[in-house]
Protein backbone atom coordinates (compact mmCIF):
# COMPACT_ATOMS: atom_id res chain seq x y z
CA UNK A 1 3.81 63.79 -4.18
CA UNK A 2 0.44 62.53 -3.04
CA UNK A 3 -1.66 60.64 -5.58
CA UNK A 4 -5.15 61.83 -6.16
CA UNK A 5 -7.91 59.48 -4.95
CA UNK A 6 -10.15 58.53 -7.80
CA UNK A 7 -13.80 57.59 -7.81
CA UNK A 8 -12.97 53.85 -8.24
CA UNK A 9 -10.65 53.94 -5.25
CA UNK A 10 -13.41 55.57 -3.10
CA UNK A 11 -15.82 52.90 -4.20
CA UNK A 12 -13.34 50.19 -3.42
CA UNK A 13 -12.66 51.64 0.05
CA UNK A 14 -16.36 51.90 0.80
CA UNK A 15 -16.86 48.16 -0.26
CA UNK A 16 -13.97 47.20 1.99
CA UNK A 17 -15.37 49.01 4.93
CA UNK A 18 -18.80 47.45 4.32
CA UNK A 19 -17.26 43.93 4.12
CA UNK A 20 -15.26 44.46 7.26
CA UNK A 21 -18.36 45.64 9.13
CA UNK A 22 -20.32 42.62 7.81
CA UNK A 23 -17.66 40.12 9.02
CA UNK A 24 -17.00 41.94 12.34
CA UNK A 25 -20.74 42.19 13.25
CA UNK A 26 -21.04 38.56 14.60
CA UNK A 27 -17.94 39.24 16.76
CA UNK A 28 -19.45 42.43 18.08
CA UNK A 29 -22.72 40.70 18.76
CA UNK A 30 -20.98 38.01 20.68
CA UNK A 31 -18.96 40.31 22.89
CA UNK A 32 -21.96 42.69 23.56
CA UNK A 33 -24.17 39.68 24.25
CA UNK A 34 -21.77 38.35 26.87
CA UNK A 35 -22.60 41.40 29.01
CA UNK A 36 -26.50 40.82 28.85
CA UNK A 37 -28.57 38.76 31.23
CA UNK A 38 -30.96 35.97 30.02
CA UNK A 39 -33.98 38.22 29.84
CA UNK A 40 -32.26 40.96 27.77
CA UNK A 41 -30.52 38.59 25.46
CA UNK A 42 -33.82 36.99 24.52
CA UNK A 43 -36.04 40.10 24.15
CA UNK A 44 -37.55 41.40 20.90
CA UNK A 45 -36.58 43.87 19.61
CA UNK A 46 -32.97 43.26 20.79
CA UNK A 47 -30.68 45.64 22.56
CA UNK A 48 -28.13 46.68 19.94
CA UNK A 49 -25.72 47.45 22.80
CA UNK A 50 -26.00 46.44 26.48
CA UNK A 51 -27.79 49.28 28.41
CA UNK A 52 -26.83 47.78 31.71
CA UNK A 53 -23.66 45.78 31.18
CA UNK A 54 -22.90 43.11 33.65
CA UNK A 55 -20.20 40.59 34.30
CA UNK A 56 -22.63 38.08 35.84
CA UNK A 57 -22.18 35.66 32.84
CA UNK A 58 -18.39 35.47 33.23
CA UNK A 59 -18.82 35.17 36.97
CA UNK A 60 -21.29 32.42 36.59
CA UNK A 61 -18.89 30.48 34.25
CA UNK A 62 -15.79 30.83 36.33
CA UNK A 63 -17.55 30.11 39.63
CA UNK A 64 -19.88 27.25 38.80
CA UNK A 65 -17.93 25.36 36.13
CA UNK A 66 -14.30 24.08 35.88
CA UNK A 67 -13.38 26.38 33.00
CA UNK A 68 -9.71 26.16 33.65
CA UNK A 69 -9.83 22.39 33.43
CA UNK A 70 -11.64 22.63 30.15
CA UNK A 71 -9.25 25.26 28.93
CA UNK A 72 -6.27 22.84 29.90
CA UNK A 73 -7.96 19.92 28.12
CA UNK A 74 -8.28 22.03 24.97
CA UNK A 75 -4.64 23.09 25.21
CA UNK A 76 -3.44 19.55 25.64
CA UNK A 77 -5.46 18.24 22.68
CA UNK A 78 -4.72 21.16 20.42
CA UNK A 79 -0.94 21.36 21.12
CA UNK A 80 -0.52 17.55 20.80
CA UNK A 81 -2.46 17.42 17.54
CA UNK A 82 -0.53 20.41 16.11
CA UNK A 83 2.74 18.78 16.93
CA UNK A 84 1.92 15.39 15.50
CA UNK A 85 0.37 16.87 12.41
CA UNK A 86 3.59 18.92 11.82
CA UNK A 87 5.70 15.84 12.26
CA UNK A 88 3.78 13.48 10.03
CA UNK A 89 3.05 16.15 7.38
CA UNK A 90 6.74 17.18 7.18
CA UNK A 91 8.00 13.62 6.95
CA UNK A 92 5.43 12.67 4.29
CA UNK A 93 5.94 15.97 2.44
CA UNK A 94 9.69 15.46 2.24
CA UNK A 95 9.42 11.89 1.03
CA UNK A 96 6.77 12.74 -1.61
CA UNK A 97 8.72 15.72 -3.02
CA UNK A 98 12.38 14.89 -2.72
CA UNK A 99 12.68 11.07 -2.55
CA UNK A 100 12.23 9.15 -5.87
CA UNK A 101 10.10 6.00 -5.58
CA UNK A 102 7.68 4.43 -8.02
CA UNK A 103 4.46 4.97 -6.12
CA UNK A 104 5.22 8.61 -5.13
CA UNK A 105 2.87 10.21 -7.70
CA UNK A 106 -0.11 7.71 -7.35
CA UNK A 107 0.26 8.05 -3.48
CA UNK A 108 0.14 11.85 -3.71
CA UNK A 109 -2.88 11.80 -6.05
CA UNK A 110 -4.59 9.53 -3.45
CA UNK A 111 -3.83 11.94 -0.66
CA UNK A 112 -5.11 14.94 -2.66
CA UNK A 113 -8.24 12.82 -3.48
CA UNK A 114 -8.85 12.31 0.18
CA UNK A 115 -9.11 16.07 0.63
CA UNK A 116 -12.38 15.99 -1.26
CA UNK A 117 -14.04 13.67 1.24
CA UNK A 118 -16.49 15.40 3.69
CA UNK A 119 -15.18 15.00 7.29
CA UNK A 120 -18.58 13.71 8.39
CA UNK A 121 -18.34 10.62 6.10
CA UNK A 122 -15.46 9.41 8.23
CA UNK A 123 -17.13 9.71 11.64
CA UNK A 124 -18.62 6.15 11.69
CA UNK A 125 -15.64 4.13 10.46
CA UNK A 126 -13.27 6.23 12.69
CA UNK A 127 -15.51 5.72 15.71
CA UNK A 128 -15.63 1.97 15.11
CA UNK A 129 -11.85 1.84 15.04
CA UNK A 130 -11.70 3.75 18.24
CA UNK A 131 -14.10 1.18 19.82
CA UNK A 132 -11.90 -1.61 18.61
CA UNK A 133 -8.75 0.01 20.16
CA UNK A 134 -10.58 1.03 23.23
CA UNK A 135 -9.81 4.75 22.62
CA UNK A 136 -13.30 6.12 23.13
CA UNK A 137 -13.40 8.85 25.87
CA UNK A 138 -9.66 9.48 25.81
CA UNK A 139 -7.39 12.18 24.58
CA UNK A 140 -5.83 9.77 22.08
CA UNK A 141 -9.23 9.10 20.61
CA UNK A 142 -9.55 12.81 19.82
CA UNK A 143 -5.97 13.42 18.65
CA UNK A 144 -4.97 10.38 16.60
CA UNK A 145 -7.65 10.60 13.88
CA UNK A 146 -6.65 14.17 13.15
CA UNK A 147 -2.89 13.42 12.64
CA UNK A 148 -3.01 12.05 9.12
CA UNK A 149 -4.43 15.30 7.70
CA UNK A 150 -4.27 15.22 3.80
CA UNK A 151 -4.25 18.96 3.56
CA UNK A 152 -1.17 19.14 5.86
CA UNK A 153 0.71 16.66 3.62
CA UNK A 154 -0.33 18.58 0.46
CA UNK A 155 0.76 21.91 1.85
CA UNK A 156 4.13 20.85 3.10
CA UNK A 157 4.84 18.71 0.03
CA UNK A 158 4.15 21.75 -2.24
CA UNK A 159 6.33 23.93 -0.13
CA UNK A 160 9.30 21.60 0.05
CA UNK A 161 9.01 20.98 -3.71
CA UNK A 162 10.04 24.61 -4.14
CA UNK A 163 13.32 24.12 -2.26
CA UNK A 164 16.41 23.40 -4.41
CA UNK A 165 17.33 19.64 -4.65
CA UNK A 166 21.01 20.67 -4.87
CA UNK A 167 21.05 21.11 -1.09
CA UNK A 168 20.08 17.43 -0.67
CA UNK A 169 22.79 16.30 -3.05
CA UNK A 170 25.31 18.45 -1.06
CA UNK A 171 24.17 16.88 2.19
CA UNK A 172 24.60 13.37 0.75
CA UNK A 173 28.07 14.25 -0.50
CA UNK A 174 28.91 15.33 3.00
CA UNK A 175 27.76 11.99 4.33
CA UNK A 176 24.54 13.10 5.88
CA UNK A 177 21.88 10.41 6.27
CA UNK A 178 18.43 10.70 4.76
CA UNK A 179 16.86 11.65 8.16
CA UNK A 180 19.79 14.01 8.80
CA UNK A 181 19.05 15.79 5.45
CA UNK A 182 15.32 16.04 6.48
CA UNK A 183 16.12 17.31 10.04
CA UNK A 184 19.17 19.51 9.40
CA UNK A 185 18.54 20.91 5.95
CA UNK A 186 14.89 20.60 4.80
CA UNK A 187 13.12 21.21 8.13
CA UNK A 188 14.73 24.58 8.89
CA UNK A 189 14.06 25.78 5.29
CA UNK A 190 10.39 24.61 5.51
CA UNK A 191 9.73 26.59 8.65
CA UNK A 192 7.51 29.18 6.87
CA UNK A 193 5.20 26.37 5.50
CA UNK A 194 5.24 24.62 8.84
CA UNK A 195 4.19 27.83 10.53
CA UNK A 196 1.23 28.11 8.26
CA UNK A 197 0.20 24.53 8.78
CA UNK A 198 0.63 25.06 12.63
CA UNK A 199 -1.77 27.92 12.56
CA UNK A 200 -4.32 26.15 10.47
CA UNK A 201 -4.12 23.05 12.68
CA UNK A 202 -4.30 25.01 15.90
CA UNK A 203 -7.42 26.93 14.87
CA UNK A 204 -9.19 23.86 13.45
CA UNK A 205 -8.49 21.67 16.37
CA UNK A 206 -9.26 24.36 19.01
CA UNK A 207 -12.61 25.07 17.41
CA UNK A 208 -13.56 21.42 16.79
CA UNK A 209 -16.76 20.49 18.45
CA UNK A 210 -18.63 17.63 16.65
CA UNK A 211 -15.73 14.99 16.73
CA UNK A 212 -14.91 15.82 20.44
CA UNK A 213 -18.57 15.62 21.25
CA UNK A 214 -18.74 12.16 19.64
CA UNK A 215 -15.56 10.78 21.39
CA UNK A 216 -15.64 12.32 24.84
CA UNK A 217 -18.25 11.39 27.30
CA UNK A 218 -16.89 12.29 30.71
CA UNK A 219 -17.01 15.99 31.78
CA UNK A 220 -13.55 15.88 33.25
CA UNK A 221 -12.17 15.34 29.75
CA UNK A 222 -14.31 17.97 28.04
CA UNK A 223 -12.65 20.67 26.00
CA UNK A 224 -13.68 24.23 26.13
CA UNK A 225 -16.28 24.13 23.28
CA UNK A 226 -18.02 21.11 24.92
CA UNK A 227 -17.83 22.72 28.36
CA UNK A 228 -19.42 25.99 27.13
CA UNK A 229 -22.27 24.03 25.66
CA UNK A 230 -23.04 22.67 29.12
CA UNK A 231 -22.60 25.97 30.87
CA UNK A 232 -25.20 27.73 28.74
CA UNK A 233 -27.91 25.32 29.65
CA UNK A 234 -29.71 26.82 32.63
CA UNK A 235 -32.39 24.20 32.71
CA UNK A 236 -33.44 21.40 30.36
CA UNK A 237 -35.65 23.48 28.14
CA UNK A 238 -33.88 26.91 28.32
CA UNK A 239 -30.70 28.12 27.01
CA UNK A 240 -28.79 31.07 28.53
CA UNK A 241 -27.43 32.77 25.54
CA UNK A 242 -25.67 35.34 27.53
CA UNK A 243 -23.50 32.67 29.23
CA UNK A 244 -23.00 31.03 25.87
CA UNK A 245 -21.78 34.30 24.40
CA UNK A 246 -19.39 34.85 27.39
CA UNK A 247 -18.03 31.30 26.93
CA UNK A 248 -17.62 31.94 23.21
CA UNK A 249 -15.52 35.10 24.00
CA UNK A 250 -13.31 33.10 26.28
CA UNK A 251 -12.80 30.40 23.71
CA UNK A 252 -12.12 32.86 20.90
CA UNK A 253 -9.34 34.82 22.69
CA UNK A 254 -6.55 32.26 22.22
CA UNK A 255 -7.49 31.77 18.48
CA UNK A 256 -7.62 35.52 18.09
CA UNK A 257 -4.25 35.99 19.72
CA UNK A 258 -2.73 33.32 17.47
CA UNK A 259 -4.19 34.97 14.37
CA UNK A 260 -3.03 38.48 15.23
CA UNK A 261 0.53 37.34 16.15
CA UNK A 262 0.87 35.14 13.07
CA UNK A 263 -1.21 37.20 10.54
CA UNK A 264 1.54 37.39 8.01
CA UNK A 265 1.82 33.58 7.91
CA UNK A 266 -1.92 33.32 7.21
CA UNK A 267 -1.41 35.57 4.16
CA UNK A 268 1.53 33.48 3.03
CA UNK A 269 -0.51 30.32 3.42
CA UNK A 270 -2.80 31.56 0.55
CA UNK A 271 0.03 31.27 -1.95
CA UNK A 272 2.50 28.77 -0.44
CA UNK A 273 1.02 25.86 -2.50
CA UNK A 274 0.89 27.75 -5.69
CA UNK A 275 4.53 28.32 -6.14
CA UNK A 276 5.25 24.99 -7.75
CA UNK A 277 3.04 22.07 -8.72
């Protein structure tokens, strides 16, 4: 039997459609702008849709710039950062939630407190450390500062805390070492939480611009966001927004693919930390 649609449900559906249109509009403008030339993209009033769509912007990017190298650099940095964040966060999360030691709670409070610090506050001290270790203009200089992510430790600690401790005791009775319990018991059970963290880390690292701009100075090491910024500069005083839009579309596709494929994990990530304090 079909339920009747009441006025409140109609209003809710209309609000959802309006909200979806509001959030999808920048994406539409980016895609449509990638098919406009420089003159059309700057004209007032604007073309709400490209009257004479052209692939010149995409052709310009792929012909005149090493886009595939930039793409490979982004892939190296993003995958390496994601792997190291998962490794460190899972180890720290397991230790803070299942191993009893005196400073566990104060240390966890310190980690949570670090989440409140604006990322920009850390740029100067982190950059000074990179200078001391000669890591400026290297992949390691981009990757290593992102590994100790307080949010990652918090997320995995909260997830592992929901897992039954009886499994750990059973592993110890069977003679499993502490690392064996972590690798063979806790890690497989924590895969949903790790998947959520992997998605968040991938998206944040792939879209990072400011820190990579600070650390990287050679164009051969540039990631895709940095390369696109160079490609859209036609001359010193002019910006080709059509080329910039085309580059943004190219950079968005991997993130969009990850989001669509792992959409259910994004939803789970909203509640994974609220199951147990």
